[in-house]
Structures are given as C-alpha cells and as structure tokens.
C-alpha cells in the first residue's frame, strides 16, 4: 500500500503515530514525493498490520453472522457412554460452535483430496464415463429442503442424458462441550469433524422421481436423526452422472495396474 493510500485512509497524524515518527517527517516525505528507505520499510509494516487487522475484523464478522444462523438441536441431551441417562440438556454455549467448519476455501480441496474425491469435471474410470458437479450447500442439515435437493439431482440427471447418477455429501459434525464426555472424546470437544455419506449408483429408469427421491432420503436418514441431538453441517454435494463403458478392461489388467500402483 502506497504512502498516498495510507494518507487517504489514516491522515498525517494517525499515520505518523503508527509509523513511530513525527508528523513533520511524513510531511517531508510528501514534499519529496516518497519516503526514505527506512520509511518505506515502516510503511510496509503498517500496511501489513492494517491488512491483517481488516482480515481479522472480517473473520470476526463472519463468525458472528454464522453463529446467529445456528439453531439449537431439538434434543441437545448431555448423554454419555459412562452415564447413559445423564440428566439435563446442553446449553447453547456448550452446544453451538463459535465458527464454521470451513473458513478457507483451500481447506475444502485438501479435505476432498484426503478423502479421495476428485473435483468437478469429467468422470472417466474403468467402468464409467460422464461428468461430476460439486454443489455448495453451506447450511445446517435441518434447514436444507431435501425435496428441492432431490429435484435438482433429478433435473441434472435428466439434462445429462446419462444412465447413472450418484450423490456424495460432504458433512461436518460438531463435538459439543459435553461435561459427561469421557476418554478420547475430551480432546475432541469444541471441534468439527468431517464425514461423508453417499447414495448407491442409481439408474432411475421410468420411476426417476421416486427412485432418486427415496434414495436421497434414505441416504440422509441417519444424519437427520443425529441432527436432533448434535449440530450437523452440510458443506457440499458431488453429483455425478455417467454411462457404463461398453469395452471393460479385464480383471487381470485392472488388478495388475492396481498392484503396480502400490
């Protein structure tokens, strides 16, 4: 950030204070058209601190907005494997996370790669050829309109002209500060953990709407039940449509390639 830009934002006196120099020094730089070499280093430090502060403010704002979106689960029970019928319920302070599971876009990519999921683009495996689409969801699971999601999947499959459709969901569960947790759960308190669920390979046929809608509801059923007692966040979904290849490689060829890869 240039001297002129910082002056417009901070003014002479405020900029001088942050630089640790007198206002007269900044005025001399203005007359000279540029700061001294040492002054340039100080300006760079001030600009860096300001940018970091603005990023921090933006992060704080986003976290506040995120927390305001959260809804307490219907049954936030303080259950424990040690005390199966622990009394009472968890409070919002114990139950609700302070920040979303993903704050940096690059982290989504790293998690996908760690779990072995490719991004959007062509699908070309030993058995199938088609295309994959990643859809951002970014909602609490309990807030997602599952019927609308199923309809989007159906339209995507119909528009593709492919035979098969497959859905993979990137989810996160938050481990609350449950005072009854014991053992390894203690170190997991207050943290997000990703988990993945997926539909079977679906070739809907004539009953496309019913087949896809039922499969998606079955896929989400367990997570929906978990969302009654815990915060479950649906980050994204991968919808792949594809056809089966006519000429499939032999088992020996496939197995041999896999062995060489390892």
C-alpha atoms as a PDB file:
ATOM      1  CA  UNK A   1       0.000   0.000   0.000  1.00  0.00           C
ATOM      2  CA  UNK A   2       1.449   3.374  -1.022  1.00  0.00           C
ATOM      3  CA  UNK A   3       2.105   6.439   1.129  1.00  0.00           C
ATOM      4  CA  UNK A   4      -0.718   8.293  -0.654  1.00  0.00           C
ATOM      5  CA  UNK A   5      -3.181   5.443   0.000  1.00  0.00           C
ATOM      6  CA  UNK A   6      -2.332   5.290   3.703  1.00  0.00           C
ATOM      7  CA  UNK A   7      -2.604   9.077   3.969  1.00  0.00           C
ATOM      8  CA  UNK A   8      -6.105   8.978   2.463  1.00  0.00           C
ATOM      9  CA  UNK A   9      -7.147   6.349   4.994  1.00  0.00           C
ATOM     10  CA  UNK A  10      -5.368   7.495   8.151  1.00  0.00           C
ATOM     11  CA  UNK A  11      -4.345  11.118   7.717  1.00  0.00           C
ATOM     12  CA  UNK A  12      -0.943  12.588   8.586  1.00  0.00           C
ATOM     13  CA  UNK A  13      -1.123  12.472  12.393  1.00  0.00           C
ATOM     14  CA  UNK A  14      -2.555   8.946  12.661  1.00  0.00           C
ATOM     15  CA  UNK A  15      -0.096   7.600  10.093  1.00  0.00           C
ATOM     16  CA  UNK A  16       2.821   9.276  11.848  1.00  0.00           C
ATOM     17  CA  UNK A  17       1.740   7.736  15.166  1.00  0.00           C
ATOM     18  CA  UNK A  18       1.587   4.246  13.649  1.00  0.00           C
ATOM     19  CA  UNK A  19       4.957   4.761  11.973  1.00  0.00           C
ATOM     20  CA  UNK A  20       6.550   5.992  15.176  1.00  0.00           C
ATOM     21  CA  UNK A  21       7.686   9.252  13.578  1.00  0.00           C
ATOM     22  CA  UNK A  22       6.735  12.919  13.865  1.00  0.00           C
ATOM     23  CA  UNK A  23       4.046  14.407  11.555  1.00  0.00           C
ATOM     24  CA  UNK A  24       6.776  16.694  10.181  1.00  0.00           C
ATOM     25  CA  UNK A  25       8.622  13.611   8.926  1.00  0.00           C
ATOM     26  CA  UNK A  26       5.576  12.445   6.989  1.00  0.00           C
ATOM     27  CA  UNK A  27       5.141  15.974   5.573  1.00  0.00           C
ATOM     28  CA  UNK A  28       8.761  15.914   4.419  1.00  0.00           C
ATOM     29  CA  UNK A  29       8.123  12.595   2.633  1.00  0.00           C
ATOM     30  CA  UNK A  30       5.102  14.149   0.928  1.00  0.00           C
ATOM     31  CA  UNK A  31       7.194  17.071  -0.324  1.00  0.00           C
ATOM     32  CA  UNK A  32       9.918  14.701  -1.513  1.00  0.00           C
ATOM     33  CA  UNK A  33       7.383  12.534  -3.319  1.00  0.00           C
ATOM     34  CA  UNK A  34       8.478   9.374  -1.490  1.00  0.00           C
ATOM     35  CA  UNK A  35       9.594   8.240   1.978  1.00  0.00           C
ATOM     36  CA  UNK A  36      13.151   7.327   2.862  1.00  0.00           C
ATOM     37  CA  UNK A  37      14.303   3.718   2.537  1.00  0.00           C
ATOM     38  CA  UNK A  38      13.699   3.162   6.246  1.00  0.00           C
ATOM     39  CA  UNK A  39      10.365   4.934   5.919  1.00  0.00           C
ATOM     40  CA  UNK A  40       9.348   2.586   3.117  1.00  0.00           C
ATOM     41  CA  UNK A  41      10.031  -0.402   5.383  1.00  0.00           C
ATOM     42  CA  UNK A  42       7.903   1.127   8.130  1.00  0.00           C
ATOM     43  CA  UNK A  43       5.109   1.901   5.668  1.00  0.00           C
ATOM     44  CA  UNK A  44       5.142  -1.734   4.517  1.00  0.00           C
ATOM     45  CA  UNK A  45       4.860  -2.879   8.152  1.00  0.00           C
ATOM     46  CA  UNK A  46       1.941  -0.505   8.821  1.00  0.00           C
ATOM     47  CA  UNK A  47       0.163  -1.665   5.662  1.00  0.00           C
ATOM     48  CA  UNK A  48       0.696  -5.314   6.611  1.00  0.00           C
ATOM     49  CA  UNK A  49      -0.659  -4.782  10.135  1.00  0.00           C
ATOM     50  CA  UNK A  50      -3.659  -2.892   8.761  1.00  0.00           C
ATOM     51  CA  UNK A  51      -4.491  -5.633   6.245  1.00  0.00           C
ATOM     52  CA  UNK A  52      -4.173  -8.282   8.956  1.00  0.00           C
ATOM     53  CA  UNK A  53      -6.468  -6.250  11.207  1.00  0.00           C
ATOM     54  CA  UNK A  54      -9.062  -5.897   8.459  1.00  0.00           C
ATOM     55  CA  UNK A  55      -8.945  -9.633   7.783  1.00  0.00           C
ATOM     56  CA  UNK A  56      -9.406 -10.276  11.479  1.00  0.00           C
ATOM     57  CA  UNK A  57     -12.423  -7.964  11.615  1.00  0.00           C
ATOM     58  CA  UNK A  58     -13.947  -9.660   8.574  1.00  0.00           C
ATOM     59  CA  UNK A  59     -13.388 -13.099  10.093  1.00  0.00           C
ATOM     60  CA  UNK A  60     -14.997 -11.967  13.339  1.00  0.00           C
ATOM     61  CA  UNK A  61     -17.984 -10.546  11.452  1.00  0.00           C
ATOM     62  CA  UNK A  62     -18.472 -13.769   9.514  1.00  0.00           C
ATOM     63  CA  UNK A  63     -18.252 -15.842  12.681  1.00  0.00           C
ATOM     64  CA  UNK A  64     -20.863 -13.705  14.403  1.00  0.00           C
ATOM     65  CA  UNK A  65     -23.171 -13.997  11.395  1.00  0.00           C
ATOM     66  CA  UNK A  66     -22.601 -17.760  11.286  1.00  0.00           C
ATOM     67  CA  UNK A  67     -23.425 -18.229  14.971  1.00  0.00           C
ATOM     68  CA  UNK A  68     -26.598 -16.172  14.579  1.00  0.00           C
ATOM     69  CA  UNK A  69     -27.730 -18.643  11.895  1.00  0.00           C
ATOM     70  CA  UNK A  70     -27.405 -21.647  14.174  1.00  0.00           C
ATOM     71  CA  UNK A  71     -30.409 -23.443  15.612  1.00  0.00           C
ATOM     72  CA  UNK A  72     -30.278 -25.474  18.800  1.00  0.00           C
ATOM     73  CA  UNK A  73     -30.963 -29.156  18.137  1.00  0.00           C
ATOM     74  CA  UNK A  74     -34.367 -30.408  19.207  1.00  0.00           C
ATOM     75  CA  UNK A  75     -32.908 -32.738  21.847  1.00  0.00           C
ATOM     76  CA  UNK A  76     -29.460 -31.457  22.942  1.00  0.00           C
ATOM     77  CA  UNK A  77     -29.078 -34.212  25.539  1.00  0.00           C
ATOM     78  CA  UNK A  78     -25.969 -34.448  27.692  1.00  0.00           C
ATOM     79  CA  UNK A  79     -25.595 -38.163  27.042  1.00  0.00           C
ATOM     80  CA  UNK A  80     -22.528 -40.212  27.923  1.00  0.00           C
ATOM     81  CA  UNK A  81     -21.251 -43.726  27.332  1.00  0.00           C
ATOM     82  CA  UNK A  82     -20.370 -43.828  31.016  1.00  0.00           C
ATOM     83  CA  UNK A  83     -23.675 -42.392  32.225  1.00  0.00           C
ATOM     84  CA  UNK A  84     -26.247 -43.491  29.617  1.00  0.00           C
ATOM     85  CA  UNK A  85     -29.041 -41.407  31.117  1.00  0.00           C
ATOM     86  CA  UNK A  86     -27.191 -38.282  32.138  1.00  0.00           C
ATOM     87  CA  UNK A  87     -29.595 -35.620  33.429  1.00  0.00           C
ATOM     88  CA  UNK A  88     -30.356 -32.350  31.704  1.00  0.00           C
ATOM     89  CA  UNK A  89     -29.529 -30.755  28.380  1.00  0.00           C
ATOM     90  CA  UNK A  90     -26.545 -28.948  26.967  1.00  0.00           C
ATOM     91  CA  UNK A  91     -26.639 -25.150  26.911  1.00  0.00           C
ATOM     92  CA  UNK A  92     -26.145 -23.038  23.749  1.00  0.00           C
ATOM     93  CA  UNK A  93     -22.648 -22.162  24.989  1.00  0.00           C
ATOM     94  CA  UNK A  94     -21.816 -25.870  25.186  1.00  0.00           C
ATOM     95  CA  UNK A  95     -23.670 -26.942  22.063  1.00  0.00           C
ATOM     96  CA  UNK A  96     -23.105 -24.242  19.418  1.00  0.00           C
ATOM     97  CA  UNK A  97     -19.761 -23.810  17.610  1.00  0.00           C
ATOM     98  CA  UNK A  98     -18.082 -20.406  17.530  1.00  0.00           C
ATOM     99  CA  UNK A  99     -17.016 -20.679  13.889  1.00  0.00           C
ATOM    100  CA  UNK A 100     -17.989 -22.582  10.738  1.00  0.00           C
ATOM    101  CA  UNK A 101     -16.185 -25.810   9.821  1.00  0.00           C
ATOM    102  CA  UNK A 102     -14.663 -24.232   6.691  1.00  0.00           C
ATOM    103  CA  UNK A 103     -13.284 -20.679   6.660  1.00  0.00           C
ATOM    104  CA  UNK A 104     -10.614 -21.025   3.957  1.00  0.00           C
ATOM    105  CA  UNK A 105     -11.630 -22.279   0.514  1.00  0.00           C
ATOM    106  CA  UNK A 106      -8.383 -24.217   0.081  1.00  0.00           C
ATOM    107  CA  UNK A 107      -9.313 -26.403   3.046  1.00  0.00           C
ATOM    108  CA  UNK A 108     -12.273 -27.861   1.140  1.00  0.00           C
ATOM    109  CA  UNK A 109      -9.910 -29.018  -1.582  1.00  0.00           C
ATOM    110  CA  UNK A 110      -7.457 -30.512   0.911  1.00  0.00           C
ATOM    111  CA  UNK A 111     -10.224 -32.453   2.674  1.00  0.00           C
ATOM    112  CA  UNK A 112     -11.589 -33.731  -0.638  1.00  0.00           C
ATOM    113  CA  UNK A 113      -8.136 -34.955  -1.687  1.00  0.00           C
ATOM    114  CA  UNK A 114      -7.515 -36.568   1.696  1.00  0.00           C
ATOM    115  CA  UNK A 115     -10.786 -38.455   1.341  1.00  0.00           C
ATOM    116  CA  UNK A 116     -10.049 -39.410  -2.258  1.00  0.00           C
ATOM    117  CA  UNK A 117     -12.722 -37.326  -4.010  1.00  0.00           C
ATOM    118  CA  UNK A 118     -11.967 -35.525  -7.255  1.00  0.00           C
ATOM    119  CA  UNK A 119     -13.384 -32.102  -8.048  1.00  0.00           C
ATOM    120  CA  UNK A 120     -15.849 -31.096 -10.756  1.00  0.00           C
ATOM    121  CA  UNK A 121     -15.128 -32.277 -14.262  1.00  0.00           C
ATOM    122  CA  UNK A 122     -15.086 -35.384 -16.447  1.00  0.00           C
ATOM    123  CA  UNK A 123     -15.632 -38.851 -14.962  1.00  0.00           C
ATOM    124  CA  UNK A 124     -13.530 -41.495 -16.694  1.00  0.00           C
ATOM    125  CA  UNK A 125     -12.990 -44.724 -14.765  1.00  0.00           C
ATOM    126  CA  UNK A 126     -12.501 -48.330 -15.828  1.00  0.00           C
ATOM    127  CA  UNK A 127     -16.268 -48.807 -15.923  1.00  0.00           C
ATOM    128  CA  UNK A 128     -17.887 -45.371 -16.339  1.00  0.00           C
ATOM    129  CA  UNK A 129     -17.644 -42.172 -18.340  1.00  0.00           C
ATOM    130  CA  UNK A 130     -19.555 -38.960 -17.579  1.00  0.00           C
ATOM    131  CA  UNK A 131     -19.281 -35.726 -15.616  1.00  0.00           C
ATOM    132  CA  UNK A 132     -19.252 -34.625 -11.964  1.00  0.00           C
ATOM    133  CA  UNK A 133     -20.541 -31.396 -10.399  1.00  0.00           C
ATOM    134  CA  UNK A 134     -19.785 -30.046  -6.904  1.00  0.00           C
ATOM    135  CA  UNK A 135     -22.656 -28.037  -5.423  1.00  0.00           C
ATOM    136  CA  UNK A 136     -22.113 -25.723  -2.434  1.00  0.00           C
ATOM    137  CA  UNK A 137     -24.757 -26.304   0.251  1.00  0.00           C
ATOM    138  CA  UNK A 138     -23.413 -24.362   3.282  1.00  0.00           C
ATOM    139  CA  UNK A 139     -26.372 -24.981   5.568  1.00  0.00           C
ATOM    140  CA  UNK A 140     -27.358 -26.762   8.715  1.00  0.00           C
ATOM    141  CA  UNK A 141     -28.705 -30.137   7.675  1.00  0.00           C
ATOM    142  CA  UNK A 142     -32.019 -29.447   9.425  1.00  0.00           C
ATOM    143  CA  UNK A 143     -32.514 -26.327   7.263  1.00  0.00           C
ATOM    144  CA  UNK A 144     -31.946 -27.989   3.890  1.00  0.00           C
ATOM    145  CA  UNK A 145     -35.010 -28.591   1.730  1.00  0.00           C
ATOM    146  CA  UNK A 146     -34.315 -32.230   0.896  1.00  0.00           C
ATOM    147  CA  UNK A 147     -37.155 -32.435  -1.639  1.00  0.00           C
ATOM    148  CA  UNK A 148     -35.743 -29.433  -3.510  1.00  0.00           C
ATOM    149  CA  UNK A 149     -32.273 -31.004  -3.448  1.00  0.00           C
ATOM    150  CA  UNK A 150     -33.686 -34.256  -4.849  1.00  0.00           C
ATOM    151  CA  UNK A 151     -35.445 -32.340  -7.633  1.00  0.00           C
ATOM    152  CA  UNK A 152     -32.144 -30.640  -8.570  1.00  0.00           C
ATOM    153  CA  UNK A 153     -30.465 -34.036  -8.755  1.00  0.00           C
ATOM    154  CA  UNK A 154     -33.288 -35.364 -10.950  1.00  0.00           C
ATOM    155  CA  UNK A 155     -33.078 -32.382 -13.316  1.00  0.00           C
ATOM    156  CA  UNK A 156     -29.307 -32.719 -13.560  1.00  0.00           C
ATOM    157  CA  UNK A 157     -29.611 -36.427 -14.377  1.00  0.00           C
ATOM    158  CA  UNK A 158     -32.352 -35.803 -16.934  1.00  0.00           C
ATOM    159  CA  UNK A 159     -30.462 -32.960 -18.637  1.00  0.00           C
ATOM    160  CA  UNK A 160     -27.283 -35.037 -18.821  1.00  0.00           C
ATOM    161  CA  UNK A 161     -28.835 -37.836 -20.870  1.00  0.00           C
ATOM    162  CA  UNK A 162     -26.727 -40.333 -18.905  1.00  0.00           C
ATOM    163  CA  UNK A 163     -27.902 -43.637 -17.482  1.00  0.00           C
ATOM    164  CA  UNK A 164     -26.496 -43.438 -13.970  1.00  0.00           C
ATOM    165  CA  UNK A 165     -26.452 -40.820 -11.208  1.00  0.00           C
ATOM    166  CA  UNK A 166     -24.547 -40.840  -7.924  1.00  0.00           C
ATOM    167  CA  UNK A 167     -24.540 -38.402  -4.979  1.00  0.00           C
ATOM    168  CA  UNK A 168     -21.780 -37.852  -2.401  1.00  0.00           C
ATOM    169  CA  UNK A 169     -22.284 -35.483   0.559  1.00  0.00           C
ATOM    170  CA  UNK A 170     -19.565 -33.641   2.464  1.00  0.00           C
ATOM    171  CA  UNK A 171     -20.805 -33.220   6.044  1.00  0.00           C
ATOM    172  CA  UNK A 172     -19.374 -31.955   9.324  1.00  0.00           C
ATOM    173  CA  UNK A 173     -20.416 -32.775  12.881  1.00  0.00           C
ATOM    174  CA  UNK A 174     -19.545 -30.573  15.834  1.00  0.00           C
ATOM    175  CA  UNK A 175     -18.472 -32.171  19.123  1.00  0.00           C
ATOM    176  CA  UNK A 176     -20.012 -30.013  21.885  1.00  0.00           C
ATOM    177  CA  UNK A 177     -18.522 -29.268  25.299  1.00  0.00           C
ATOM    178  CA  UNK A 178     -20.403 -32.083  26.999  1.00  0.00           C
ATOM    179  CA  UNK A 179     -19.315 -32.379  30.655  1.00  0.00           C
ATOM    180  CA  UNK A 180     -20.216 -36.085  30.591  1.00  0.00           C
ATOM    181  CA  UNK A 181     -17.826 -36.997  27.755  1.00  0.00           C
ATOM    182  CA  UNK A 182     -15.038 -39.299  28.865  1.00  0.00           C
ATOM    183  CA  UNK A 183     -11.929 -40.814  27.341  1.00  0.00           C
ATOM    184  CA  UNK A 184     -10.798 -39.683  23.897  1.00  0.00           C
ATOM    185  CA  UNK A 185     -13.904 -37.510  23.475  1.00  0.00           C
ATOM    186  CA  UNK A 186     -12.361 -34.966  25.847  1.00  0.00           C
ATOM    187  CA  UNK A 187      -9.774 -33.915  23.243  1.00  0.00           C
ATOM    188  CA  UNK A 188     -12.468 -33.693  20.564  1.00  0.00           C
ATOM    189  CA  UNK A 189     -14.640 -31.175  22.405  1.00  0.00           C
ATOM    190  CA  UNK A 190     -15.268 -27.946  20.528  1.00  0.00           C
ATOM    191  CA  UNK A 191     -14.020 -29.283  17.180  1.00  0.00           C
ATOM    192  CA  UNK A 192     -15.540 -30.047  13.778  1.00  0.00           C
ATOM    193  CA  UNK A 193     -15.050 -33.426  12.119  1.00  0.00           C
ATOM    194  CA  UNK A 194     -15.869 -34.182   8.500  1.00  0.00           C
ATOM    195  CA  UNK A 195     -17.812 -37.279   7.473  1.00  0.00           C
ATOM    196  CA  UNK A 196     -19.099 -38.433   4.106  1.00  0.00           C
ATOM    197  CA  UNK A 197     -22.283 -40.187   3.029  1.00  0.00           C
ATOM    198  CA  UNK A 198     -23.298 -41.331  -0.435  1.00  0.00           C
ATOM    199  CA  UNK A 199     -26.153 -42.813  -2.370  1.00  0.00           C
ATOM    200  CA  UNK A 200     -25.968 -46.089  -4.266  1.00  0.00           C
ATOM    201  CA  UNK A 201     -25.365 -45.915  -8.005  1.00  0.00           C
ATOM    202  CA  UNK A 202     -28.818 -45.069  -9.308  1.00  0.00           C
ATOM    203  CA  UNK A 203     -30.216 -45.925 -12.722  1.00  0.00           C
ATOM    204  CA  UNK A 204     -33.684 -44.446 -12.128  1.00  0.00           C
ATOM    205  CA  UNK A 205     -35.475 -45.579 -15.274  1.00  0.00           C
ATOM    206  CA  UNK A 206     -39.143 -44.711 -15.666  1.00  0.00           C
ATOM    207  CA  UNK A 207     -39.711 -44.028 -11.948  1.00  0.00           C
ATOM    208  CA  UNK A 208     -36.893 -41.464 -11.817  1.00  0.00           C
ATOM    209  CA  UNK A 209     -38.517 -39.077  -9.351  1.00  0.00           C
ATOM    210  CA  UNK A 210     -39.491 -41.744  -6.825  1.00  0.00           C
ATOM    211  CA  UNK A 211     -36.255 -43.705  -7.135  1.00  0.00           C
ATOM    212  CA  UNK A 212     -33.928 -40.729  -6.677  1.00  0.00           C
ATOM    213  CA  UNK A 213     -36.028 -39.023  -4.016  1.00  0.00           C
ATOM    214  CA  UNK A 214     -36.283 -42.225  -1.970  1.00  0.00           C
ATOM    215  CA  UNK A 215     -32.556 -42.964  -2.300  1.00  0.00           C
ATOM    216  CA  UNK A 216     -31.610 -39.453  -1.160  1.00  0.00           C
ATOM    217  CA  UNK A 217     -33.951 -39.581   1.834  1.00  0.00           C
ATOM    218  CA  UNK A 218     -32.568 -42.981   2.832  1.00  0.00           C
ATOM    219  CA  UNK A 219     -29.016 -41.666   2.427  1.00  0.00           C
ATOM    220  CA  UNK A 220     -29.728 -38.714   4.759  1.00  0.00           C
ATOM    221  CA  UNK A 221     -31.874 -40.548   7.319  1.00  0.00           C
ATOM    222  CA  UNK A 222     -29.112 -41.404   9.821  1.00  0.00           C
ATOM    223  CA  UNK A 223     -27.605 -37.908   9.668  1.00  0.00           C
ATOM    224  CA  UNK A 224     -31.063 -36.374  10.107  1.00  0.00           C
ATOM    225  CA  UNK A 225     -31.534 -38.377  13.305  1.00  0.00           C
ATOM    226  CA  UNK A 226     -28.108 -37.267  14.535  1.00  0.00           C
ATOM    227  CA  UNK A 227     -29.096 -33.630  13.862  1.00  0.00           C
ATOM    228  CA  UNK A 228     -31.789 -33.952  16.522  1.00  0.00           C
ATOM    229  CA  UNK A 229     -29.086 -34.028  19.194  1.00  0.00           C
ATOM    230  CA  UNK A 230     -25.998 -32.512  17.527  1.00  0.00           C
ATOM    231  CA  UNK A 231     -25.026 -29.763  15.087  1.00  0.00           C
ATOM    232  CA  UNK A 232     -24.656 -31.278  11.611  1.00  0.00           C
ATOM    233  CA  UNK A 233     -23.422 -29.012   8.805  1.00  0.00           C
ATOM    234  CA  UNK A 234     -23.875 -29.897   5.119  1.00  0.00           C
ATOM    235  CA  UNK A 235     -20.985 -28.240   3.296  1.00  0.00           C
ATOM    236  CA  UNK A 236     -21.263 -29.559  -0.273  1.00  0.00           C
ATOM    237  CA  UNK A 237     -22.573 -32.311  -2.531  1.00  0.00           C
ATOM    238  CA  UNK A 238     -21.000 -34.021  -5.518  1.00  0.00           C
ATOM    239  CA  UNK A 239     -23.488 -35.125  -8.164  1.00  0.00           C
ATOM    240  CA  UNK A 240     -22.096 -37.376 -10.881  1.00  0.00           C
ATOM    241  CA  UNK A 241     -23.932 -38.568 -13.973  1.00  0.00           C
ATOM    242  CA  UNK A 242     -22.404 -41.177 -16.270  1.00  0.00           C
ATOM    243  CA  UNK A 243     -22.796 -44.173 -18.565  1.00  0.00           C
ATOM    244  CA  UNK A 244     -21.253 -47.627 -18.390  1.00  0.00           C
ATOM    245  CA  UNK A 245     -18.427 -48.253 -20.823  1.00  0.00           C
ATOM    246  CA  UNK A 246     -19.022 -50.896 -23.466  1.00  0.00           C
ATOM    247  CA  UNK A 247     -15.480 -52.259 -23.533  1.00  0.00           C
ATOM    248  CA  UNK A 248     -14.458 -53.023 -19.960  1.00  0.00           C
ATOM    249  CA  UNK A 249     -10.856 -53.953 -19.095  1.00  0.00           C
ATOM    250  CA  UNK A 250     -10.244 -57.494 -17.949  1.00  0.00           C
ATOM    251  CA  UNK A 251      -9.968 -58.267 -14.258  1.00  0.00           C
ATOM    252  CA  UNK A 252      -6.334 -59.290 -14.701  1.00  0.00           C
ATOM    253  CA  UNK A 253      -5.452 -55.983 -16.365  1.00  0.00           C
ATOM    254  CA  UNK A 254      -7.225 -53.946 -13.699  1.00  0.00           C
ATOM    255  CA  UNK A 255      -5.721 -55.895 -10.792  1.00  0.00           C
ATOM    256  CA  UNK A 256      -2.260 -55.742 -12.332  1.00  0.00           C
ATOM    257  CA  UNK A 257      -2.377 -51.970 -12.713  1.00  0.00           C
ATOM    258  CA  UNK A 258      -3.543 -51.560  -9.107  1.00  0.00           C
ATOM    259  CA  UNK A 259      -0.695 -53.754  -7.851  1.00  0.00           C
ATOM    260  CA  UNK A 260       1.880 -51.743  -9.783  1.00  0.00           C
ATOM    261  CA  UNK A 261       0.443 -48.506  -8.398  1.00  0.00           C
ATOM    262  CA  UNK A 262       1.029 -49.659  -4.842  1.00  0.00           C
END
